[in-house]
Amino acid sequence: MKKLIKRVLSEFKDSNLSSEAAREVIAEKLIEEIRRPGQGWFLDMSPGLHEYKQEKRRALSGDSYVIKDKL
């Protein structure tokens, strides 16, 4: 996601970010790039989130998304 934002901002490096119109155009371009088919991107909201989830799953005795057959 960071790379995508930097790439879009580089296209508008001469834009005046104080301008509401410029910010609107940049925001629209970002949304367009995110929605483009075949354009993969990954949003990592915070470092360590994956480890936190793994800890919680271990505390629950495994992956919360896998249903174990106990018959």
N, C-alpha and C. Protein backbone atom coordinates (compact mmCIF):
# COMPACT_ATOMS: atom_id res chain seq x y z
N MET A 1 0.82 -1.18 0.00
CA MET A 1 0.00 0.00 0.00
C MET A 1 0.87 1.25 0.00
N LYS A 2 1.92 1.21 0.80
CA LYS A 2 2.82 2.37 0.86
C LYS A 2 3.44 2.64 -0.51
N LYS A 3 3.85 1.58 -1.20
CA LYS A 3 4.44 1.74 -2.54
C LYS A 3 3.42 2.34 -3.51
N LEU A 4 2.17 1.87 -3.42
CA LEU A 4 1.12 2.38 -4.29
C LEU A 4 0.93 3.88 -4.04
N ILE A 5 0.86 4.29 -2.79
CA ILE A 5 0.67 5.71 -2.45
C ILE A 5 1.84 6.54 -2.96
N LYS A 6 3.06 6.05 -2.73
CA LYS A 6 4.23 6.78 -3.19
C LYS A 6 4.26 6.91 -4.71
N ARG A 7 3.84 5.83 -5.39
CA ARG A 7 3.82 5.86 -6.86
C ARG A 7 2.81 6.90 -7.36
N VAL A 8 1.63 6.92 -6.76
CA VAL A 8 0.61 7.89 -7.18
C VAL A 8 1.07 9.30 -6.85
N LEU A 9 1.64 9.51 -5.66
CA LEU A 9 2.12 10.84 -5.30
C LEU A 9 3.23 11.31 -6.23
N SER A 10 4.05 10.38 -6.70
CA SER A 10 5.13 10.77 -7.61
C SER A 10 4.57 11.28 -8.95
N GLU A 11 3.39 10.79 -9.34
CA GLU A 11 2.74 11.27 -10.55
C GLU A 11 2.25 12.71 -10.39
N PHE A 12 2.01 13.10 -9.14
CA PHE A 12 1.47 14.43 -8.85
C PHE A 12 2.44 15.26 -8.02
N LYS A 13 3.74 15.08 -8.24
CA LYS A 13 4.73 15.74 -7.40
C LYS A 13 4.71 17.26 -7.51
N ASP A 14 4.17 17.80 -8.59
CA ASP A 14 4.10 19.25 -8.75
C ASP A 14 2.76 19.82 -8.29
N SER A 15 1.91 18.97 -7.74
CA SER A 15 0.58 19.42 -7.30
C SER A 15 0.70 20.20 -6.00
N ASN A 16 -0.21 21.12 -5.83
CA ASN A 16 -0.28 21.91 -4.60
C ASN A 16 -1.19 21.16 -3.62
N LEU A 17 -0.61 20.52 -2.62
CA LEU A 17 -1.40 19.73 -1.67
C LEU A 17 -2.28 20.60 -0.78
N SER A 18 -2.08 21.89 -0.80
CA SER A 18 -2.95 22.81 -0.06
C SER A 18 -4.28 23.00 -0.79
N SER A 19 -4.31 22.61 -2.04
CA SER A 19 -5.51 22.78 -2.86
C SER A 19 -6.45 21.60 -2.66
N GLU A 20 -7.69 21.92 -2.34
CA GLU A 20 -8.71 20.88 -2.18
C GLU A 20 -8.89 20.08 -3.47
N ALA A 21 -8.86 20.77 -4.60
CA ALA A 21 -9.04 20.11 -5.90
C ALA A 21 -7.90 19.12 -6.17
N ALA A 22 -6.68 19.50 -5.85
CA ALA A 22 -5.53 18.61 -6.06
C ALA A 22 -5.65 17.38 -5.16
N ARG A 23 -6.03 17.58 -3.92
CA ARG A 23 -6.19 16.44 -3.00
C ARG A 23 -7.29 15.51 -3.49
N GLU A 24 -8.34 16.06 -4.03
CA GLU A 24 -9.45 15.25 -4.56
C GLU A 24 -8.98 14.41 -5.75
N VAL A 25 -8.23 15.01 -6.65
CA VAL A 25 -7.71 14.29 -7.82
C VAL A 25 -6.78 13.16 -7.39
N ILE A 26 -5.91 13.44 -6.43
CA ILE A 26 -4.97 12.42 -5.93
C ILE A 26 -5.74 11.29 -5.25
N ALA A 27 -6.73 11.63 -4.43
CA ALA A 27 -7.54 10.60 -3.76
C ALA A 27 -8.26 9.72 -4.78
N GLU A 28 -8.82 10.33 -5.82
CA GLU A 28 -9.50 9.55 -6.86
C GLU A 28 -8.53 8.63 -7.58
N LYS A 29 -7.33 9.10 -7.84
CA LYS A 29 -6.31 8.27 -8.51
C LYS A 29 -5.91 7.10 -7.61
N LEU A 30 -5.79 7.34 -6.32
CA LEU A 30 -5.47 6.26 -5.38
C LEU A 30 -6.56 5.18 -5.40
N ILE A 31 -7.80 5.60 -5.33
CA ILE A 31 -8.92 4.64 -5.37
C ILE A 31 -8.92 3.87 -6.69
N GLU A 32 -8.67 4.58 -7.77
CA GLU A 32 -8.61 3.93 -9.10
C GLU A 32 -7.52 2.86 -9.13
N GLU A 33 -6.36 3.17 -8.59
CA GLU A 33 -5.25 2.20 -8.57
C GLU A 33 -5.55 1.01 -7.68
N ILE A 34 -6.19 1.25 -6.54
CA ILE A 34 -6.54 0.16 -5.63
C ILE A 34 -7.52 -0.80 -6.29
N ARG A 35 -8.46 -0.26 -7.03
CA ARG A 35 -9.51 -1.07 -7.65
C ARG A 35 -9.10 -1.70 -8.97
N ARG A 36 -7.95 -1.33 -9.51
CA ARG A 36 -7.53 -1.85 -10.81
C ARG A 36 -7.31 -3.37 -10.74
N PRO A 37 -7.98 -4.13 -11.62
CA PRO A 37 -7.81 -5.59 -11.62
C PRO A 37 -6.35 -5.98 -11.88
N GLY A 38 -5.92 -7.00 -11.18
CA GLY A 38 -4.56 -7.50 -11.37
C GLY A 38 -3.51 -6.68 -10.65
N GLN A 39 -3.95 -5.62 -9.98
CA GLN A 39 -3.01 -4.77 -9.24
C GLN A 39 -3.03 -5.23 -7.79
N GLY A 40 -2.10 -6.05 -7.43
CA GLY A 40 -2.06 -6.55 -6.07
C GLY A 40 -1.47 -5.53 -5.12
N TRP A 41 -2.01 -5.45 -3.94
CA TRP A 41 -1.45 -4.59 -2.91
C TRP A 41 -1.79 -5.20 -1.57
N PHE A 42 -1.04 -4.82 -0.58
CA PHE A 42 -1.20 -5.37 0.75
C PHE A 42 -1.22 -4.23 1.76
N LEU A 43 -2.20 -4.23 2.64
CA LEU A 43 -2.31 -3.20 3.66
C LEU A 43 -1.92 -3.78 5.00
N ASP A 44 -0.80 -3.36 5.53
CA ASP A 44 -0.33 -3.80 6.83
C ASP A 44 -0.61 -2.67 7.82
N MET A 45 -1.64 -2.82 8.64
CA MET A 45 -2.07 -1.75 9.52
C MET A 45 -1.09 -1.48 10.66
N SER A 46 -0.39 -2.48 11.11
CA SER A 46 0.57 -2.23 12.18
C SER A 46 1.58 -3.36 12.26
N PRO A 47 2.81 -3.00 12.51
CA PRO A 47 3.83 -4.04 12.70
C PRO A 47 3.47 -4.91 13.90
N GLY A 48 3.67 -6.19 13.76
CA GLY A 48 3.42 -7.10 14.87
C GLY A 48 2.00 -7.63 14.94
N LEU A 49 1.12 -7.21 14.05
CA LEU A 49 -0.27 -7.67 14.09
C LEU A 49 -0.35 -9.17 13.84
N HIS A 50 0.44 -9.66 12.89
CA HIS A 50 0.43 -11.09 12.57
C HIS A 50 0.83 -11.91 13.80
N GLU A 51 1.87 -11.48 14.49
CA GLU A 51 2.33 -12.21 15.68
C GLU A 51 1.26 -12.18 16.77
N TYR A 52 0.59 -11.03 16.91
CA TYR A 52 -0.48 -10.90 17.90
C TYR A 52 -1.59 -11.90 17.62
N LYS A 53 -2.00 -12.00 16.34
CA LYS A 53 -3.05 -12.95 15.96
C LYS A 53 -2.62 -14.39 16.23
N GLN A 54 -1.37 -14.69 15.92
CA GLN A 54 -0.88 -16.04 16.17
C GLN A 54 -0.91 -16.37 17.66
N GLU A 55 -0.54 -15.43 18.49
CA GLU A 55 -0.58 -15.66 19.94
C GLU A 55 -2.00 -15.95 20.41
N LYS A 56 -2.95 -15.16 19.94
CA LYS A 56 -4.35 -15.36 20.32
C LYS A 56 -4.86 -16.72 19.85
N ARG A 57 -4.47 -17.12 18.64
CA ARG A 57 -4.91 -18.43 18.13
C ARG A 57 -4.31 -19.56 18.95
N ARG A 58 -3.04 -19.42 19.32
CA ARG A 58 -2.42 -20.45 20.17
C ARG A 58 -3.14 -20.54 21.51
N ALA A 59 -3.53 -19.40 22.05
CA ALA A 59 -4.25 -19.39 23.32
C ALA A 59 -5.61 -20.07 23.20
N LEU A 60 -6.18 -20.06 22.00
CA LEU A 60 -7.46 -20.73 21.75
C LEU A 60 -7.26 -22.17 21.29
N SER A 61 -6.07 -22.67 21.38
CA SER A 61 -5.72 -24.04 20.99
C SER A 61 -5.83 -24.26 19.50
N GLY A 62 -5.31 -23.35 18.73
CA GLY A 62 -5.26 -23.55 17.28
C GLY A 62 -5.84 -22.39 16.51
N ASP A 63 -5.94 -22.60 15.24
CA ASP A 63 -6.45 -21.60 14.32
C ASP A 63 -7.96 -21.48 14.49
N SER A 64 -8.44 -20.28 14.75
CA SER A 64 -9.87 -20.08 14.97
C SER A 64 -10.69 -20.29 13.71
N TYR A 65 -10.05 -20.34 12.55
CA TYR A 65 -10.76 -20.51 11.29
C TYR A 65 -10.89 -21.97 10.87
N VAL A 66 -10.25 -22.85 11.59
CA VAL A 66 -10.30 -24.28 11.25
C VAL A 66 -11.19 -24.98 12.26
N ILE A 67 -12.21 -25.68 11.78
CA ILE A 67 -13.10 -26.43 12.65
C ILE A 67 -12.54 -27.84 12.74
N LYS A 68 -12.24 -28.25 13.96
CA LYS A 68 -11.68 -29.58 14.17
C LYS A 68 -12.80 -30.58 14.47
N ASP A 69 -12.72 -31.70 13.82
CA ASP A 69 -13.70 -32.76 14.02
C ASP A 69 -13.35 -33.49 15.31
N LYS A 70 -14.25 -33.42 16.29
CA LYS A 70 -13.95 -34.03 17.59
C LYS A 70 -14.79 -35.29 17.83
N LEU A 71 -15.33 -35.87 16.76
CA LEU A 71 -16.12 -37.09 16.91
C LEU A 71 -15.25 -38.29 17.00
